[in-house]
Amino acid sequence: MSRTSSTAPQDPSAVRVSEELFAPVSPSVEICYQTFGSDDDDPLLLVMGLGGPMIWWDDDFCTRLAEAGFFVIRYDNRDTGRSSRIGQRVTRAQLVRAFTTGRGSAPYAVSDLAADGLALLDHLGIDAAHVAGISMGGMIAQTMAIEAPSRVLSLTSIMSTTGRRTVGWQSPALLPTLIAPRRGGKEAYVSTNSMVWGLIGSPDFPVEADVLRKRGEDTFDRGVSASGVLRQMMAILTQPNRTLRLRTLHLPTLVIHGLADKMVHVSGGRATASAIPGAELVLVDGMGHDLPTELYDSFVEGIRRTADRARPGGA
């Protein structure tokens, strides 16, 4: 069944939050997911980026989306959080080669990650949904729209890119940090996590140290996989250029990108908006590669505005 009706904002105290559940999306992959709001509302699938569990879509952000009339579905990508791990090993030498050439043997592709999201919708009995993705999640969301256009009602691509190697590049200064061997244990993870966010976060919207620490602790407690991050990186580095296929899309699209993003250069957002007919581009001064809490209401309004364009009579 396809749910496309819009509803009035809910009383925050009335927002229902499910327990964490599991969906078998293929014989070898089980996806952990959670929902916010009423399943009578507009379904919105949230797709997180590299190494990010679903809790990086903050509870408050998900609640605000539910208040705006969405049935919010967030989930752990494979190799993240409580979802399945894929066992094939990726070496750092393979990653460096893929970074410089765009070629290599990846355990799975962005297309496979997109298939996981679509299979989760199948599991929930949802024919079509609005989809929003961050970074790698934006690449996955774009791929879902390309490969299953009837199933994506609207697209919000946040701090992401098209797969074309001449746009959306990562600052080369970040690569040694991202692929460096990690010490084991919770404290080491939390320390490294805070350091990375300090490098790629929003300079105009700094996050307090105790908030970063709590995020790192919660992420570690869900389950982290250094090898899983490398496998996801290989999928990103070997992804195809989607530009020509993005030009075939005809759906309401919002592209959001920070002008201070070191992880995915703003040229990736500009190229995405340029490729998709009628896409709206929102560039944010002082925003890096995160979602500042100060901008939650603006992002929610943008996602809602874009979803409303998918309704009959929408702009």
C-alpha atoms as a PDB file:
ATOM      1  CA  MET A   1       0.000   0.000   0.000  1.00  0.00           C
ATOM      2  CA  SER A   2       1.252   3.440  -0.880  1.00  0.00           C
ATOM      3  CA  ARG A   3       0.798   6.138   1.739  1.00  0.00           C
ATOM      4  CA  THR A   4       0.877   9.680   0.401  1.00  0.00           C
ATOM      5  CA  SER A   5      -1.598  11.614   2.538  1.00  0.00           C
ATOM      6  CA  SER A   6      -0.410  14.635   4.515  1.00  0.00           C
ATOM      7  CA  THR A   7      -1.526  15.317   8.063  1.00  0.00           C
ATOM      8  CA  ALA A   8      -1.388  18.235  10.443  1.00  0.00           C
ATOM      9  CA  PRO A   9       1.532  18.446  12.896  1.00  0.00           C
ATOM     10  CA  GLN A  10       1.108  16.206  15.907  1.00  0.00           C
ATOM     11  CA  ASP A  11       1.289  16.930  19.592  1.00  0.00           C
ATOM     12  CA  PRO A  12       4.950  16.100  20.451  1.00  0.00           C
ATOM     13  CA  SER A  13       3.810  13.984  23.383  1.00  0.00           C
ATOM     14  CA  ALA A  14       1.770  11.874  20.945  1.00  0.00           C
ATOM     15  CA  VAL A  15       4.690  10.850  18.711  1.00  0.00           C
ATOM     16  CA  ARG A  16       4.990   7.079  18.851  1.00  0.00           C
ATOM     17  CA  VAL A  17       8.467   5.549  18.814  1.00  0.00           C
ATOM     18  CA  SER A  18       8.822   1.858  18.076  1.00  0.00           C
ATOM     19  CA  GLU A  19      11.302  -0.476  19.647  1.00  0.00           C
ATOM     20  CA  GLU A  20      14.272  -1.429  17.504  1.00  0.00           C
ATOM     21  CA  LEU A  21      13.197  -4.142  15.077  1.00  0.00           C
ATOM     22  CA  PHE A  22      14.895  -6.340  12.484  1.00  0.00           C
ATOM     23  CA  ALA A  23      14.083  -6.961   8.832  1.00  0.00           C
ATOM     24  CA  PRO A  24      15.615  -9.803   6.777  1.00  0.00           C
ATOM     25  CA  VAL A  25      16.284  -7.942   3.515  1.00  0.00           C
ATOM     26  CA  SER A  26      18.255 -10.728   1.823  1.00  0.00           C
ATOM     27  CA  PRO A  27      19.470 -14.226   2.710  1.00  0.00           C
ATOM     28  CA  SER A  28      22.679 -12.742   4.166  1.00  0.00           C
ATOM     29  CA  VAL A  29      21.602  -9.304   5.442  1.00  0.00           C
ATOM     30  CA  GLU A  30      19.351  -8.356   8.344  1.00  0.00           C
ATOM     31  CA  ILE A  31      18.651  -4.660   8.887  1.00  0.00           C
ATOM     32  CA  CYS A  32      17.926  -3.048  12.253  1.00  0.00           C
ATOM     33  CA  TYR A  33      15.347  -0.243  12.075  1.00  0.00           C
ATOM     34  CA  GLN A  34      13.094   1.962  14.164  1.00  0.00           C
ATOM     35  CA  THR A  35      10.076   4.147  13.424  1.00  0.00           C
ATOM     36  CA  PHE A  36       8.713   7.444  14.725  1.00  0.00           C
ATOM     37  CA  GLY A  37       5.112   8.586  14.330  1.00  0.00           C
ATOM     38  CA  SER A  38       2.000   7.058  12.836  1.00  0.00           C
ATOM     39  CA  ASP A  39       2.099   4.638   9.918  1.00  0.00           C
ATOM     40  CA  ASP A  40      -0.928   6.484   8.547  1.00  0.00           C
ATOM     41  CA  ASP A  41       1.336   9.450   7.771  1.00  0.00           C
ATOM     42  CA  ASP A  42       3.679  10.012   4.830  1.00  0.00           C
ATOM     43  CA  PRO A  43       6.480   7.414   4.934  1.00  0.00           C
ATOM     44  CA  LEU A  44       9.964   8.948   5.095  1.00  0.00           C
ATOM     45  CA  LEU A  45      13.029   6.704   4.893  1.00  0.00           C
ATOM     46  CA  LEU A  46      16.180   8.203   6.441  1.00  0.00           C
ATOM     47  CA  VAL A  47      19.498   6.846   5.123  1.00  0.00           C
ATOM     48  CA  MET A  48      22.675   7.555   7.088  1.00  0.00           C
ATOM     49  CA  GLY A  49      26.214   7.939   5.771  1.00  0.00           C
ATOM     50  CA  LEU A  50      29.587   6.240   6.121  1.00  0.00           C
ATOM     51  CA  GLY A  51      29.922   4.262   9.337  1.00  0.00           C
ATOM     52  CA  GLY A  52      26.928   6.041  10.840  1.00  0.00           C
ATOM     53  CA  PRO A  53      24.289   4.122  12.784  1.00  0.00           C
ATOM     54  CA  MET A  54      20.691   5.214  12.626  1.00  0.00           C
ATOM     55  CA  ILE A  55      21.011   7.102  15.923  1.00  0.00           C
ATOM     56  CA  TRP A  56      23.041   9.734  14.052  1.00  0.00           C
ATOM     57  CA  TRP A  57      19.589  10.774  12.874  1.00  0.00           C
ATOM     58  CA  ASP A  58      18.996  12.398  16.249  1.00  0.00           C
ATOM     59  CA  ASP A  59      15.867  11.436  18.198  1.00  0.00           C
ATOM     60  CA  ASP A  60      14.837  15.095  18.356  1.00  0.00           C
ATOM     61  CA  PHE A  61      15.204  15.492  14.591  1.00  0.00           C
ATOM     62  CA  CYS A  62      13.137  12.352  13.949  1.00  0.00           C
ATOM     63  CA  THR A  63      10.475  13.548  16.394  1.00  0.00           C
ATOM     64  CA  ARG A  64      10.233  16.920  14.634  1.00  0.00           C
ATOM     65  CA  LEU A  65       9.800  15.130  11.305  1.00  0.00           C
ATOM     66  CA  ALA A  66       7.023  13.011  12.816  1.00  0.00           C
ATOM     67  CA  GLU A  67       5.386  16.177  14.135  1.00  0.00           C
ATOM     68  CA  ALA A  68       5.477  17.500  10.560  1.00  0.00           C
ATOM     69  CA  GLY A  69       3.337  14.581   9.380  1.00  0.00           C
ATOM     70  CA  PHE A  70       5.866  11.880   8.494  1.00  0.00           C
ATOM     71  CA  PHE A  71       6.061   8.221   9.426  1.00  0.00           C
ATOM     72  CA  VAL A  72       9.817   8.241   9.966  1.00  0.00           C
ATOM     73  CA  ILE A  73      11.892   5.115   9.356  1.00  0.00           C
ATOM     74  CA  ARG A  74      15.567   5.172  10.318  1.00  0.00           C
ATOM     75  CA  TYR A  75      17.871   2.180  10.013  1.00  0.00           C
ATOM     76  CA  ASP A  76      21.421   0.888  10.335  1.00  0.00           C
ATOM     77  CA  ASN A  77      22.996   0.218   6.944  1.00  0.00           C
ATOM     78  CA  ARG A  78      24.674  -3.165   6.593  1.00  0.00           C
ATOM     79  CA  ASP A  79      28.063  -3.174   8.366  1.00  0.00           C
ATOM     80  CA  THR A  80      26.774  -0.544  10.810  1.00  0.00           C
ATOM     81  CA  GLY A  81      25.243  -0.620  14.271  1.00  0.00           C
ATOM     82  CA  ARG A  82      23.098  -3.694  14.838  1.00  0.00           C
ATOM     83  CA  SER A  83      22.661  -4.693  11.202  1.00  0.00           C
ATOM     84  CA  SER A  84      24.513  -7.589   9.582  1.00  0.00           C
ATOM     85  CA  ARG A  85      28.249  -7.567   8.930  1.00  0.00           C
ATOM     86  CA  ILE A  86      29.565  -8.612   5.527  1.00  0.00           C
ATOM     87  CA  GLY A  87      32.729 -10.620   6.036  1.00  0.00           C
ATOM     88  CA  GLN A  88      35.011  -9.843   3.094  1.00  0.00           C
ATOM     89  CA  ARG A  89      38.184  -8.003   4.115  1.00  0.00           C
ATOM     90  CA  VAL A  90      39.295  -4.743   2.500  1.00  0.00           C
ATOM     91  CA  THR A  91      42.920  -3.636   2.869  1.00  0.00           C
ATOM     92  CA  ARG A  92      44.121  -0.083   3.218  1.00  0.00           C
ATOM     93  CA  ALA A  93      46.213  -0.571   0.073  1.00  0.00           C
ATOM     94  CA  GLN A  94      43.017  -1.377  -1.835  1.00  0.00           C
ATOM     95  CA  LEU A  95      41.416   1.775  -0.448  1.00  0.00           C
ATOM     96  CA  VAL A  96      44.304   4.017  -1.463  1.00  0.00           C
ATOM     97  CA  ARG A  97      44.266   2.521  -4.963  1.00  0.00           C
ATOM     98  CA  ALA A  98      40.495   3.062  -5.235  1.00  0.00           C
ATOM     99  CA  PHE A  99      40.883   6.618  -3.921  1.00  0.00           C
ATOM    100  CA  THR A 100      43.371   7.456  -6.670  1.00  0.00           C
ATOM    101  CA  THR A 101      41.816   5.495  -9.548  1.00  0.00           C
ATOM    102  CA  GLY A 102      38.155   4.888  -8.732  1.00  0.00           C
ATOM    103  CA  ARG A 103      38.681   1.198  -9.439  1.00  0.00           C
ATOM    104  CA  GLY A 104      38.861  -1.879  -7.260  1.00  0.00           C
ATOM    105  CA  SER A 105      36.994  -4.965  -6.112  1.00  0.00           C
ATOM    106  CA  ALA A 106      34.377  -3.913  -3.582  1.00  0.00           C
ATOM    107  CA  PRO A 107      32.527  -6.464  -1.406  1.00  0.00           C
ATOM    108  CA  TYR A 108      29.301  -4.711  -2.373  1.00  0.00           C
ATOM    109  CA  ALA A 109      28.164  -1.632  -4.287  1.00  0.00           C
ATOM    110  CA  VAL A 110      26.092   1.436  -3.505  1.00  0.00           C
ATOM    111  CA  SER A 111      23.403  -0.307  -5.547  1.00  0.00           C
ATOM    112  CA  ASP A 112      23.368  -3.150  -3.010  1.00  0.00           C
ATOM    113  CA  LEU A 113      22.944  -0.655  -0.170  1.00  0.00           C
ATOM    114  CA  ALA A 114      20.044   0.889  -2.087  1.00  0.00           C
ATOM    115  CA  ALA A 115      18.487  -2.557  -2.497  1.00  0.00           C
ATOM    116  CA  ASP A 116      18.638  -2.970   1.298  1.00  0.00           C
ATOM    117  CA  GLY A 117      16.586   0.203   1.755  1.00  0.00           C
ATOM    118  CA  LEU A 118      14.017  -0.858  -0.821  1.00  0.00           C
ATOM    119  CA  ALA A 119      13.754  -4.293   0.780  1.00  0.00           C
ATOM    120  CA  LEU A 120      13.134  -2.644   4.149  1.00  0.00           C
ATOM    121  CA  LEU A 121      10.200  -0.786   2.577  1.00  0.00           C
ATOM    122  CA  ASP A 122       8.967  -4.140   1.248  1.00  0.00           C
ATOM    123  CA  HIS A 123       9.192  -5.571   4.753  1.00  0.00           C
ATOM    124  CA  LEU A 124       7.072  -2.690   6.052  1.00  0.00           C
ATOM    125  CA  GLY A 125       4.505  -3.050   3.263  1.00  0.00           C
ATOM    126  CA  ILE A 126       5.273   0.393   1.829  1.00  0.00           C
ATOM    127  CA  ASP A 127       5.047   0.715  -1.946  1.00  0.00           C
ATOM    128  CA  ALA A 128       6.625   4.174  -2.149  1.00  0.00           C
ATOM    129  CA  ALA A 129       8.243   6.585   0.301  1.00  0.00           C
ATOM    130  CA  HIS A 130       9.950   9.931   0.558  1.00  0.00           C
ATOM    131  CA  VAL A 131      13.686   9.338   0.950  1.00  0.00           C
ATOM    132  CA  ALA A 132      16.338  11.523   2.577  1.00  0.00           C
ATOM    133  CA  GLY A 133      20.009  10.615   2.784  1.00  0.00           C
ATOM    134  CA  ILE A 134      23.172  12.124   4.213  1.00  0.00           C
ATOM    135  CA  SER A 135      26.562  11.771   2.497  1.00  0.00           C
ATOM    136  CA  MET A 136      26.845   8.086   1.522  1.00  0.00           C
ATOM    137  CA  GLY A 137      23.162   7.954   2.425  1.00  0.00           C
ATOM    138  CA  GLY A 138      22.516  10.590  -0.240  1.00  0.00           C
ATOM    139  CA  MET A 139      24.304   8.385  -2.783  1.00  0.00           C
ATOM    140  CA  ILE A 140      22.116   5.483  -1.691  1.00  0.00           C
ATOM    141  CA  ALA A 141      18.952   7.609  -1.877  1.00  0.00           C
ATOM    142  CA  GLN A 142      19.863   8.848  -5.366  1.00  0.00           C
ATOM    143  CA  THR A 143      20.458   5.254  -6.462  1.00  0.00           C
ATOM    144  CA  MET A 144      17.092   4.175  -5.062  1.00  0.00           C
ATOM    145  CA  ALA A 145      15.406   6.913  -7.117  1.00  0.00           C
ATOM    146  CA  ILE A 146      17.298   5.881 -10.260  1.00  0.00           C
ATOM    147  CA  GLU A 147      16.794   2.141  -9.945  1.00  0.00           C
ATOM    148  CA  ALA A 148      13.235   2.166  -8.559  1.00  0.00           C
ATOM    149  CA  PRO A 149      11.719   5.533  -9.589  1.00  0.00           C
ATOM    150  CA  SER A 150       8.149   4.468  -8.833  1.00  0.00           C
ATOM    151  CA  ARG A 151       9.085   3.820  -5.212  1.00  0.00           C
ATOM    152  CA  VAL A 152      10.653   7.198  -4.344  1.00  0.00           C
ATOM    153  CA  LEU A 153       8.074   9.971  -3.957  1.00  0.00           C
ATOM    154  CA  SER A 154      10.570  12.741  -3.248  1.00  0.00           C
ATOM    155  CA  LEU A 155      14.312  12.938  -2.716  1.00  0.00           C
ATOM    156  CA  THR A 156      16.362  14.962  -0.243  1.00  0.00           C
ATOM    157  CA  SER A 157      20.104  14.630  -0.836  1.00  0.00           C
ATOM    158  CA  ILE A 158      22.182  16.150   1.966  1.00  0.00           C
ATOM    159  CA  MET A 159      25.955  16.844   1.714  1.00  0.00           C
ATOM    160  CA  SER A 160      26.308  14.211  -1.000  1.00  0.00           C
ATOM    161  CA  THR A 161      27.450  13.950  -4.617  1.00  0.00           C
ATOM    162  CA  THR A 162      26.791  12.315  -7.984  1.00  0.00           C
ATOM    163  CA  GLY A 163      29.669   9.839  -8.141  1.00  0.00           C
ATOM    164  CA  ARG A 164      31.518  11.947 -10.718  1.00  0.00           C
ATOM    165  CA  ARG A 165      35.115  12.062  -9.539  1.00  0.00           C
ATOM    166  CA  THR A 166      35.678  15.685 -10.555  1.00  0.00           C
ATOM    167  CA  VAL A 167      33.059  16.939  -8.076  1.00  0.00           C
ATOM    168  CA  GLY A 168      32.318  16.336  -4.407  1.00  0.00           C
ATOM    169  CA  TRP A 169      35.890  15.378  -3.679  1.00  0.00           C
ATOM    170  CA  GLN A 170      37.114  14.734  -0.187  1.00  0.00           C
ATOM    171  CA  SER A 171      39.923  16.840   1.193  1.00  0.00           C
ATOM    172  CA  PRO A 172      43.036  14.648   0.713  1.00  0.00           C
ATOM    173  CA  ALA A 173      44.171  15.738   4.173  1.00  0.00           C
ATOM    174  CA  LEU A 174      41.366  13.653   5.681  1.00  0.00           C
ATOM    175  CA  LEU A 175      42.283  10.296   4.129  1.00  0.00           C
ATOM    176  CA  PRO A 176      45.176   9.379   6.472  1.00  0.00           C
ATOM    177  CA  THR A 177      42.944  10.021   9.465  1.00  0.00           C
ATOM    178  CA  LEU A 178      40.004   8.071   8.050  1.00  0.00           C
ATOM    179  CA  ILE A 179      41.983   4.929   7.163  1.00  0.00           C
ATOM    180  CA  ALA A 180      44.518   4.987   9.994  1.00  0.00           C
ATOM    181  CA  PRO A 181      44.629   1.843  12.152  1.00  0.00           C
ATOM    182  CA  ARG A 182      42.524   2.246  15.283  1.00  0.00           C
ATOM    183  CA  ARG A 183      43.301   1.225  18.822  1.00  0.00           C
ATOM    184  CA  GLY A 184      40.684  -1.040  20.290  1.00  0.00           C
ATOM    185  CA  GLY A 185      38.311  -0.251  23.113  1.00  0.00           C
ATOM    186  CA  LYS A 186      35.591   2.212  23.878  1.00  0.00           C
ATOM    187  CA  GLU A 187      37.734   5.076  25.128  1.00  0.00           C
ATOM    188  CA  ALA A 188      39.953   4.998  22.040  1.00  0.00           C
ATOM    189  CA  TYR A 189      36.900   4.974  19.783  1.00  0.00           C
ATOM    190  CA  VAL A 190      35.260   7.878  21.594  1.00  0.00           C
ATOM    191  CA  SER A 191      38.460   9.928  21.426  1.00  0.00           C
ATOM    192  CA  THR A 192      38.953   9.268  17.713  1.00  0.00           C
ATOM    193  CA  ASN A 193      35.296   9.920  16.968  1.00  0.00           C
ATOM    194  CA  SER A 194      35.460  13.331  18.649  1.00  0.00           C
ATOM    195  CA  MET A 195      38.654  14.161  16.773  1.00  0.00           C
ATOM    196  CA  VAL A 196      37.134  13.289  13.393  1.00  0.00           C
ATOM    197  CA  TRP A 197      33.983  15.331  14.044  1.00  0.00           C
ATOM    198  CA  GLY A 198      36.225  18.206  15.053  1.00  0.00           C
ATOM    199  CA  LEU A 199      37.842  18.008  11.621  1.00  0.00           C
ATOM    200  CA  ILE A 200      34.717  17.678   9.483  1.00  0.00           C
ATOM    201  CA  GLY A 201      31.994  19.351  11.571  1.00  0.00           C
ATOM    202  CA  SER A 202      30.422  22.764  11.050  1.00  0.00           C
ATOM    203  CA  PRO A 203      32.768  25.609  12.017  1.00  0.00           C
ATOM    204  CA  ASP A 204      29.883  28.033  12.552  1.00  0.00           C
ATOM    205  CA  PHE A 205      27.866  25.513  14.596  1.00  0.00           C
ATOM    206  CA  PRO A 206      30.351  23.880  16.988  1.00  0.00           C
ATOM    207  CA  VAL A 207      29.233  20.908  19.043  1.00  0.00           C
ATOM    208  CA  GLU A 208      30.105  20.797  22.726  1.00  0.00           C
ATOM    209  CA  ALA A 209      32.682  18.236  23.780  1.00  0.00           C
ATOM    210  CA  ASP A 210      30.293  16.390  26.095  1.00  0.00           C
ATOM    211  CA  VAL A 211      27.763  16.002  23.261  1.00  0.00           C
ATOM    212  CA  LEU A 212      30.431  14.554  20.959  1.00  0.00           C
ATOM    213  CA  ARG A 213      31.539  12.214  23.697  1.00  0.00           C
ATOM    214  CA  LYS A 214      27.995  10.974  24.328  1.00  0.00           C
ATOM    215  CA  ARG A 215      27.499  10.402  20.591  1.00  0.00           C
ATOM    216  CA  GLY A 216      30.714   8.373  20.464  1.00  0.00           C
ATOM    217  CA  GLU A 217      29.770   6.314  23.508  1.00  0.00           C
ATOM    218  CA  ASP A 218      26.303   5.565  22.163  1.00  0.00           C
ATOM    219  CA  THR A 219      27.727   4.636  18.754  1.00  0.00           C
ATOM    220  CA  PHE A 220      30.271   2.273  20.282  1.00  0.00           C
ATOM    221  CA  ASP A 221      27.632   0.659  22.473  1.00  0.00           C
ATOM    222  CA  ARG A 222      25.477  -0.093  19.401  1.00  0.00           C
ATOM    223  CA  GLY A 223      28.381  -1.904  17.787  1.00  0.00           C
ATOM    224  CA  VAL A 224      31.129  -0.542  15.564  1.00  0.00           C
ATOM    225  CA  SER A 225      33.033  -2.300  12.811  1.00  0.00           C
ATOM    226  CA  ALA A 226      36.277  -0.815  11.519  1.00  0.00           C
ATOM    227  CA  SER A 227      36.319  -3.392   8.724  1.00  0.00           C
ATOM    228  CA  GLY A 228      32.720  -2.507   7.888  1.00  0.00           C
ATOM    229  CA  VAL A 229      33.661   1.156   7.453  1.00  0.00           C
ATOM    230  CA  LEU A 230      36.401   0.113   5.008  1.00  0.00           C
ATOM    231  CA  ARG A 231      33.901  -1.957   3.020  1.00  0.00           C
ATOM    232  CA  GLN A 232      31.517   0.999   2.842  1.00  0.00           C
ATOM    233  CA  MET A 233      34.390   3.248   1.765  1.00  0.00           C
ATOM    234  CA  MET A 234      35.171   0.855  -1.089  1.00  0.00           C
ATOM    235  CA  ALA A 235      31.551   1.063  -2.224  1.00  0.00           C
ATOM    236  CA  ILE A 236      31.799   4.859  -2.230  1.00  0.00           C
ATOM    237  CA  LEU A 237      35.173   5.029  -3.975  1.00  0.00           C
ATOM    238  CA  THR A 238      34.118   2.615  -6.751  1.00  0.00           C
ATOM    239  CA  GLN A 239      30.611   3.975  -7.298  1.00  0.00           C
ATOM    240  CA  PRO A 240      29.548   4.887 -10.842  1.00  0.00           C
ATOM    241  CA  ASN A 241      28.976   8.407 -12.121  1.00  0.00           C
ATOM    242  CA  ARG A 242      25.202   8.826 -11.814  1.00  0.00           C
ATOM    243  CA  THR A 243      24.987  12.190 -13.614  1.00  0.00           C
ATOM    244  CA  LEU A 244      23.305  10.998 -16.813  1.00  0.00           C
ATOM    245  CA  ARG A 245      20.826   8.801 -14.950  1.00  0.00           C
ATOM    246  CA  LEU A 246      20.032  11.577 -12.471  1.00  0.00           C
ATOM    247  CA  ARG A 247      18.957  13.704 -15.455  1.00  0.00           C
ATOM    248  CA  THR A 248      16.184  11.192 -16.140  1.00  0.00           C
ATOM    249  CA  LEU A 249      14.575  11.693 -12.725  1.00  0.00           C
ATOM    250  CA  HIS A 250      11.270  13.522 -12.482  1.00  0.00           C
ATOM    251  CA  LEU A 251      10.486  13.868  -8.787  1.00  0.00           C
ATOM    252  CA  PRO A 252      10.572  16.701  -6.244  1.00  0.00           C
ATOM    253  CA  THR A 253      14.162  17.025  -5.070  1.00  0.00           C
ATOM    254  CA  LEU A 254      15.908  19.080  -2.412  1.00  0.00           C
ATOM    255  CA  VAL A 255      19.703  19.264  -2.261  1.00  0.00           C
ATOM    256  CA  ILE A 256      21.297  20.634   0.928  1.00  0.00           C
ATOM    257  CA  HIS A 257      25.029  21.251   1.279  1.00  0.00           C
ATOM    258  CA  GLY A 258      27.324  23.126   3.631  1.00  0.00           C
ATOM    259  CA  LEU A 259      29.765  25.601   2.155  1.00  0.00           C
ATOM    260  CA  ALA A 260      32.384  24.515   4.721  1.00  0.00           C
ATOM    261  CA  ASP A 261      32.169  20.762   4.011  1.00  0.00           C
ATOM    262  CA  LYS A 262      35.624  19.110   3.935  1.00  0.00           C
ATOM    263  CA  MET A 263      34.326  15.554   3.600  1.00  0.00           C
ATOM    264  CA  VAL A 264      32.268  16.105   0.425  1.00  0.00           C
ATOM    265  CA  HIS A 265      33.099  19.337  -1.380  1.00  0.00           C
ATOM    266  CA  VAL A 266      30.134  21.585  -2.104  1.00  0.00           C
ATOM    267  CA  SER A 267      30.672  20.998  -5.823  1.00  0.00           C
ATOM    268  CA  GLY A 268      29.013  17.609  -5.234  1.00  0.00           C
ATOM    269  CA  GLY A 269      25.810  19.250  -4.045  1.00  0.00           C
ATOM    270  CA  ARG A 270      25.862  21.744  -6.880  1.00  0.00           C
ATOM    271  CA  ALA A 271      26.373  18.960  -9.425  1.00  0.00           C
ATOM    272  CA  THR A 272      23.530  16.910  -7.929  1.00  0.00           C
ATOM    273  CA  ALA A 273      21.087  19.817  -8.113  1.00  0.00           C
ATOM    274  CA  SER A 274      22.228  20.660 -11.632  1.00  0.00           C
ATOM    275  CA  ALA A 275      21.701  17.075 -12.821  1.00  0.00           C
ATOM    276  CA  ILE A 276      18.169  16.532 -11.452  1.00  0.00           C
ATOM    277  CA  PRO A 277      15.522  18.551 -13.333  1.00  0.00           C
ATOM    278  CA  GLY A 278      13.797  21.097 -11.106  1.00  0.00           C
ATOM    279  CA  ALA A 279      15.886  20.339  -8.009  1.00  0.00           C
ATOM    280  CA  GLU A 280      16.040  22.981  -5.284  1.00  0.00           C
ATOM    281  CA  LEU A 281      19.554  23.744  -4.003  1.00  0.00           C
ATOM    282  CA  VAL A 282      20.100  25.092  -0.486  1.00  0.00           C
ATOM    283  CA  LEU A 283      23.677  26.072   0.427  1.00  0.00           C
ATOM    284  CA  VAL A 284      24.424  26.810   4.074  1.00  0.00           C
ATOM    285  CA  ASP A 285      27.199  29.153   5.213  1.00  0.00           C
ATOM    286  CA  GLY A 286      29.403  27.734   7.946  1.00  0.00           C
ATOM    287  CA  MET A 287      27.970  24.214   7.711  1.00  0.00           C
ATOM    288  CA  GLY A 288      30.390  21.315   7.450  1.00  0.00           C
ATOM    289  CA  HIS A 289      29.681  17.602   7.246  1.00  0.00           C
ATOM    290  CA  ASP A 290      27.074  17.308   9.977  1.00  0.00           C
ATOM    291  CA  LEU A 291      23.521  18.377  10.805  1.00  0.00           C
ATOM    292  CA  PRO A 292      23.669  21.315  13.225  1.00  0.00           C
ATOM    293  CA  THR A 293      20.872  21.207  15.769  1.00  0.00           C
ATOM    294  CA  GLU A 294      20.338  24.937  15.201  1.00  0.00           C
ATOM    295  CA  LEU A 295      19.170  24.125  11.657  1.00  0.00           C
ATOM    296  CA  TYR A 296      16.832  21.214  12.434  1.00  0.00           C
ATOM    297  CA  ASP A 297      13.665  23.250  11.918  1.00  0.00           C
ATOM    298  CA  SER A 298      14.907  24.556   8.559  1.00  0.00           C
ATOM    299  CA  PHE A 299      15.781  21.057   7.383  1.00  0.00           C
ATOM    300  CA  VAL A 300      12.441  19.644   8.527  1.00  0.00           C
ATOM    301  CA  GLU A 301      10.602  22.451   6.739  1.00  0.00           C
ATOM    302  CA  GLY A 302      12.591  21.779   3.569  1.00  0.00           C
ATOM    303  CA  ILE A 303      11.915  18.035   3.610  1.00  0.00           C
ATOM    304  CA  ARG A 304       8.220  18.686   4.254  1.00  0.00           C
ATOM    305  CA  ARG A 305       8.053  21.306   1.486  1.00  0.00           C
ATOM    306  CA  THR A 306       9.697  18.909  -0.960  1.00  0.00           C
ATOM    307  CA  ALA A 307       7.412  16.034  -0.001  1.00  0.00           C
ATOM    308  CA  ASP A 308       4.344  18.242  -0.464  1.00  0.00           C
ATOM    309  CA  ARG A 309       5.373  18.840  -4.071  1.00  0.00           C
ATOM    310  CA  ALA A 310       4.843  15.136  -4.692  1.00  0.00           C
ATOM    311  CA  ARG A 311       1.126  15.378  -3.917  1.00  0.00           C
ATOM    312  CA  PRO A 312      -1.404  15.948  -6.703  1.00  0.00           C
ATOM    313  CA  GLY A 313      -1.503  19.691  -7.272  1.00  0.00           C
ATOM    314  CA  GLY A 314       1.939  20.208  -5.722  1.00  0.00           C
ATOM    315  CA  ALA A 315       4.314  22.717  -7.280  1.00  0.00           C
END
